[in-house]
Amino acid sequence: MVEKFKLAIKKEVLYYLFTLLALALIMHSDLLSNPFLRLHNMYEKGNFSHPFLYSFIIYSTILILRKTIDFIIGVFEKKAH
């Protein structure tokens, strides 16, 4: 039971990190050419939390959609048996 929980947490952390990376690259394409300049600008402005906040909002929305779809599929699978 604990191992299954640990695996689920690791999987969700990977989903969150992928969301964070994808949003960072979509919103700031200069990360590919000069990441140190982007990090320096973030340091000067003091806005380190906004990427994590935006990623969490998108991740939460996707999580709710995933769980809703899983629930609906589960209901139809139970009716089929």
N, C-alpha and C. Protein backbone atom coordinates (compact mmCIF):
# COMPACT_ATOMS: atom_id res chain seq x y z
N MET A 1 0.82 -1.20 0.00
CA MET A 1 0.00 0.00 0.00
C MET A 1 0.87 1.26 0.00
N VAL A 2 1.89 1.29 0.85
CA VAL A 2 2.77 2.46 0.93
C VAL A 2 3.57 2.61 -0.35
N GLU A 3 4.02 1.50 -0.91
CA GLU A 3 4.79 1.55 -2.15
C GLU A 3 3.94 2.09 -3.30
N LYS A 4 2.67 1.69 -3.33
CA LYS A 4 1.77 2.19 -4.37
C LYS A 4 1.55 3.69 -4.22
N PHE A 5 1.45 4.15 -2.97
CA PHE A 5 1.30 5.58 -2.70
C PHE A 5 2.54 6.35 -3.12
N LYS A 6 3.70 5.83 -2.80
CA LYS A 6 4.96 6.48 -3.18
C LYS A 6 5.09 6.58 -4.70
N LEU A 7 4.71 5.53 -5.39
CA LEU A 7 4.76 5.54 -6.85
C LEU A 7 3.79 6.57 -7.43
N ALA A 8 2.61 6.67 -6.85
CA ALA A 8 1.63 7.66 -7.31
C ALA A 8 2.14 9.08 -7.08
N ILE A 9 2.75 9.32 -5.94
CA ILE A 9 3.30 10.66 -5.64
C ILE A 9 4.42 10.99 -6.62
N LYS A 10 5.31 10.05 -6.88
CA LYS A 10 6.40 10.30 -7.82
C LYS A 10 5.86 10.61 -9.21
N LYS A 11 4.82 9.90 -9.62
CA LYS A 11 4.22 10.12 -10.93
C LYS A 11 3.61 11.52 -11.00
N GLU A 12 2.92 11.94 -9.95
CA GLU A 12 2.30 13.27 -9.95
C GLU A 12 3.35 14.38 -9.90
N VAL A 13 4.45 14.15 -9.20
CA VAL A 13 5.54 15.14 -9.17
C VAL A 13 6.15 15.27 -10.57
N LEU A 14 6.30 14.18 -11.27
CA LEU A 14 6.81 14.24 -12.64
C LEU A 14 5.85 14.99 -13.56
N TYR A 15 4.54 14.77 -13.39
CA TYR A 15 3.56 15.53 -14.17
C TYR A 15 3.68 17.03 -13.88
N TYR A 16 3.84 17.38 -12.61
CA TYR A 16 3.96 18.79 -12.23
C TYR A 16 5.24 19.39 -12.81
N LEU A 17 6.35 18.68 -12.71
CA LEU A 17 7.61 19.21 -13.25
C LEU A 17 7.56 19.35 -14.77
N PHE A 18 6.91 18.42 -15.44
CA PHE A 18 6.74 18.52 -16.88
C PHE A 18 5.89 19.75 -17.23
N THR A 19 4.83 19.98 -16.46
CA THR A 19 3.99 21.16 -16.66
C THR A 19 4.80 22.43 -16.44
N LEU A 20 5.60 22.46 -15.40
CA LEU A 20 6.45 23.61 -15.11
C LEU A 20 7.42 23.88 -16.25
N LEU A 21 8.07 22.85 -16.73
CA LEU A 21 9.04 23.00 -17.82
C LEU A 21 8.36 23.44 -19.11
N ALA A 22 7.24 22.81 -19.43
CA ALA A 22 6.54 23.16 -20.67
C ALA A 22 6.05 24.60 -20.64
N LEU A 23 5.47 25.03 -19.53
CA LEU A 23 4.99 26.41 -19.44
C LEU A 23 6.14 27.40 -19.47
N ALA A 24 7.25 27.06 -18.82
CA ALA A 24 8.41 27.96 -18.82
C ALA A 24 8.94 28.14 -20.24
N LEU A 25 9.00 27.06 -20.99
CA LEU A 25 9.51 27.17 -22.36
C LEU A 25 8.52 27.86 -23.30
N ILE A 26 7.23 27.68 -23.05
CA ILE A 26 6.23 28.36 -23.88
C ILE A 26 6.21 29.86 -23.59
N MET A 27 6.26 30.21 -22.33
CA MET A 27 6.15 31.62 -21.96
C MET A 27 7.46 32.39 -22.14
N HIS A 28 8.57 31.69 -21.98
CA HIS A 28 9.88 32.34 -22.05
C HIS A 28 10.79 31.55 -22.98
N SER A 29 10.66 31.80 -24.25
CA SER A 29 11.47 31.04 -25.22
C SER A 29 12.95 31.38 -25.12
N ASP A 30 13.29 32.49 -24.48
CA ASP A 30 14.69 32.84 -24.32
C ASP A 30 15.42 31.94 -23.32
N LEU A 31 14.68 31.09 -22.63
CA LEU A 31 15.32 30.12 -21.73
C LEU A 31 16.23 29.15 -22.49
N LEU A 32 15.89 28.89 -23.74
CA LEU A 32 16.72 27.98 -24.53
C LEU A 32 18.01 28.66 -24.99
N SER A 33 17.96 29.95 -25.27
CA SER A 33 19.14 30.63 -25.79
C SER A 33 20.04 31.16 -24.67
N ASN A 34 19.43 31.76 -23.62
CA ASN A 34 20.24 32.33 -22.55
C ASN A 34 19.52 32.18 -21.21
N PRO A 35 19.60 31.00 -20.59
CA PRO A 35 18.86 30.79 -19.35
C PRO A 35 19.40 31.61 -18.18
N PHE A 36 20.69 31.92 -18.18
CA PHE A 36 21.26 32.67 -17.06
C PHE A 36 20.75 34.10 -17.04
N LEU A 37 20.52 34.69 -18.20
CA LEU A 37 19.96 36.03 -18.26
C LEU A 37 18.53 36.03 -17.71
N ARG A 38 17.74 35.02 -18.06
CA ARG A 38 16.37 34.93 -17.54
C ARG A 38 16.39 34.77 -16.02
N LEU A 39 17.26 33.91 -15.50
CA LEU A 39 17.35 33.72 -14.05
C LEU A 39 17.83 34.99 -13.36
N HIS A 40 18.74 35.71 -13.98
CA HIS A 40 19.22 36.97 -13.43
C HIS A 40 18.08 38.00 -13.37
N ASN A 41 17.28 38.06 -14.42
CA ASN A 41 16.13 38.97 -14.43
C ASN A 41 15.12 38.60 -13.36
N MET A 42 14.89 37.30 -13.16
CA MET A 42 13.99 36.86 -12.10
C MET A 42 14.53 37.25 -10.73
N TYR A 43 15.84 37.13 -10.56
CA TYR A 43 16.47 37.48 -9.28
C TYR A 43 16.33 38.98 -9.01
N GLU A 44 16.56 39.79 -10.04
CA GLU A 44 16.45 41.24 -9.86
C GLU A 44 15.03 41.68 -9.52
N LYS A 45 14.05 41.06 -10.16
CA LYS A 45 12.66 41.43 -9.91
C LYS A 45 12.08 40.75 -8.67
N GLY A 46 12.73 39.68 -8.22
CA GLY A 46 12.25 38.97 -7.04
C GLY A 46 10.98 38.18 -7.27
N ASN A 47 10.76 37.73 -8.49
CA ASN A 47 9.53 36.99 -8.79
C ASN A 47 9.83 35.51 -9.05
N PHE A 48 10.25 34.82 -8.01
CA PHE A 48 10.56 33.40 -8.14
C PHE A 48 9.33 32.52 -8.01
N SER A 49 8.28 33.02 -7.37
CA SER A 49 7.15 32.15 -7.07
C SER A 49 6.14 32.04 -8.21
N HIS A 50 6.09 32.99 -9.13
CA HIS A 50 5.03 32.95 -10.14
C HIS A 50 5.10 31.75 -11.07
N PRO A 51 6.27 31.23 -11.45
CA PRO A 51 6.23 30.02 -12.30
C PRO A 51 5.62 28.82 -11.58
N PHE A 52 5.91 28.69 -10.28
CA PHE A 52 5.37 27.58 -9.52
C PHE A 52 3.86 27.73 -9.31
N LEU A 53 3.42 28.97 -9.10
CA LEU A 53 2.00 29.22 -8.91
C LEU A 53 1.22 28.94 -10.18
N TYR A 54 1.67 29.46 -11.31
CA TYR A 54 0.98 29.23 -12.58
C TYR A 54 0.98 27.75 -12.94
N SER A 55 2.10 27.10 -12.73
CA SER A 55 2.18 25.67 -13.03
C SER A 55 1.24 24.87 -12.14
N PHE A 56 1.12 25.27 -10.88
CA PHE A 56 0.23 24.56 -9.97
C PHE A 56 -1.22 24.73 -10.40
N ILE A 57 -1.59 25.91 -10.86
CA ILE A 57 -2.96 26.14 -11.31
C ILE A 57 -3.27 25.28 -12.53
N ILE A 58 -2.38 25.25 -13.50
CA ILE A 58 -2.59 24.43 -14.70
C ILE A 58 -2.58 22.94 -14.33
N TYR A 59 -1.63 22.53 -13.49
CA TYR A 59 -1.54 21.13 -13.05
C TYR A 59 -2.82 20.72 -12.34
N SER A 60 -3.35 21.58 -11.46
CA SER A 60 -4.57 21.26 -10.72
C SER A 60 -5.76 21.10 -11.66
N THR A 61 -5.84 21.96 -12.66
CA THR A 61 -6.92 21.87 -13.64
C THR A 61 -6.83 20.55 -14.40
N ILE A 62 -5.64 20.20 -14.84
CA ILE A 62 -5.45 18.94 -15.57
C ILE A 62 -5.73 17.74 -14.66
N LEU A 63 -5.33 17.83 -13.40
CA LEU A 63 -5.59 16.75 -12.45
C LEU A 63 -7.08 16.53 -12.25
N ILE A 64 -7.83 17.61 -12.11
CA ILE A 64 -9.28 17.49 -11.94
C ILE A 64 -9.91 16.86 -13.17
N LEU A 65 -9.47 17.27 -14.35
CA LEU A 65 -9.98 16.67 -15.59
C LEU A 65 -9.64 15.19 -15.67
N ARG A 66 -8.39 14.83 -15.33
CA ARG A 66 -7.97 13.42 -15.37
C ARG A 66 -8.81 12.57 -14.43
N LYS A 67 -9.01 13.05 -13.21
CA LYS A 67 -9.76 12.27 -12.22
C LYS A 67 -11.24 12.19 -12.58
N THR A 68 -11.78 13.23 -13.18
CA THR A 68 -13.17 13.19 -13.63
C THR A 68 -13.34 12.16 -14.73
N ILE A 69 -12.43 12.15 -15.68
CA ILE A 69 -12.50 11.17 -16.76
C ILE A 69 -12.31 9.76 -16.22
N ASP A 70 -11.38 9.57 -15.28
CA ASP A 70 -11.20 8.25 -14.66
C ASP A 70 -12.47 7.78 -13.96
N PHE A 71 -13.15 8.70 -13.27
CA PHE A 71 -14.39 8.36 -12.58
C PHE A 71 -15.48 7.95 -13.56
N ILE A 72 -15.63 8.72 -14.63
CA ILE A 72 -16.66 8.42 -15.63
C ILE A 72 -16.38 7.07 -16.30
N ILE A 73 -15.13 6.82 -16.65
CA ILE A 73 -14.77 5.53 -17.24
C ILE A 73 -15.03 4.40 -16.26
N GLY A 74 -14.72 4.62 -14.99
CA GLY A 74 -14.96 3.61 -13.97
C GLY A 74 -16.43 3.29 -13.82
N VAL A 75 -17.29 4.28 -13.90
CA VAL A 75 -18.74 4.05 -13.79
C VAL A 75 -19.23 3.20 -14.95
N PHE A 76 -18.78 3.52 -16.17
CA PHE A 76 -19.22 2.74 -17.32
C PHE A 76 -18.65 1.33 -17.33
N GLU A 77 -17.44 1.14 -16.80
CA GLU A 77 -16.87 -0.21 -16.72
C GLU A 77 -17.63 -1.06 -15.71
N LYS A 78 -18.10 -0.47 -14.61
CA LYS A 78 -18.86 -1.23 -13.62
C LYS A 78 -20.23 -1.63 -14.19
N LYS A 79 -20.82 -0.78 -15.00
CA LYS A 79 -22.11 -1.11 -15.61
C LYS A 79 -21.97 -2.24 -16.63
N ALA A 80 -20.82 -2.35 -17.25
CA ALA A 80 -20.61 -3.37 -18.27
C ALA A 80 -20.50 -4.76 -17.64
N HIS A 81 -20.10 -4.83 -16.40
CA HIS A 81 -19.96 -6.15 -15.74
C HIS A 81 -21.24 -6.56 -15.19
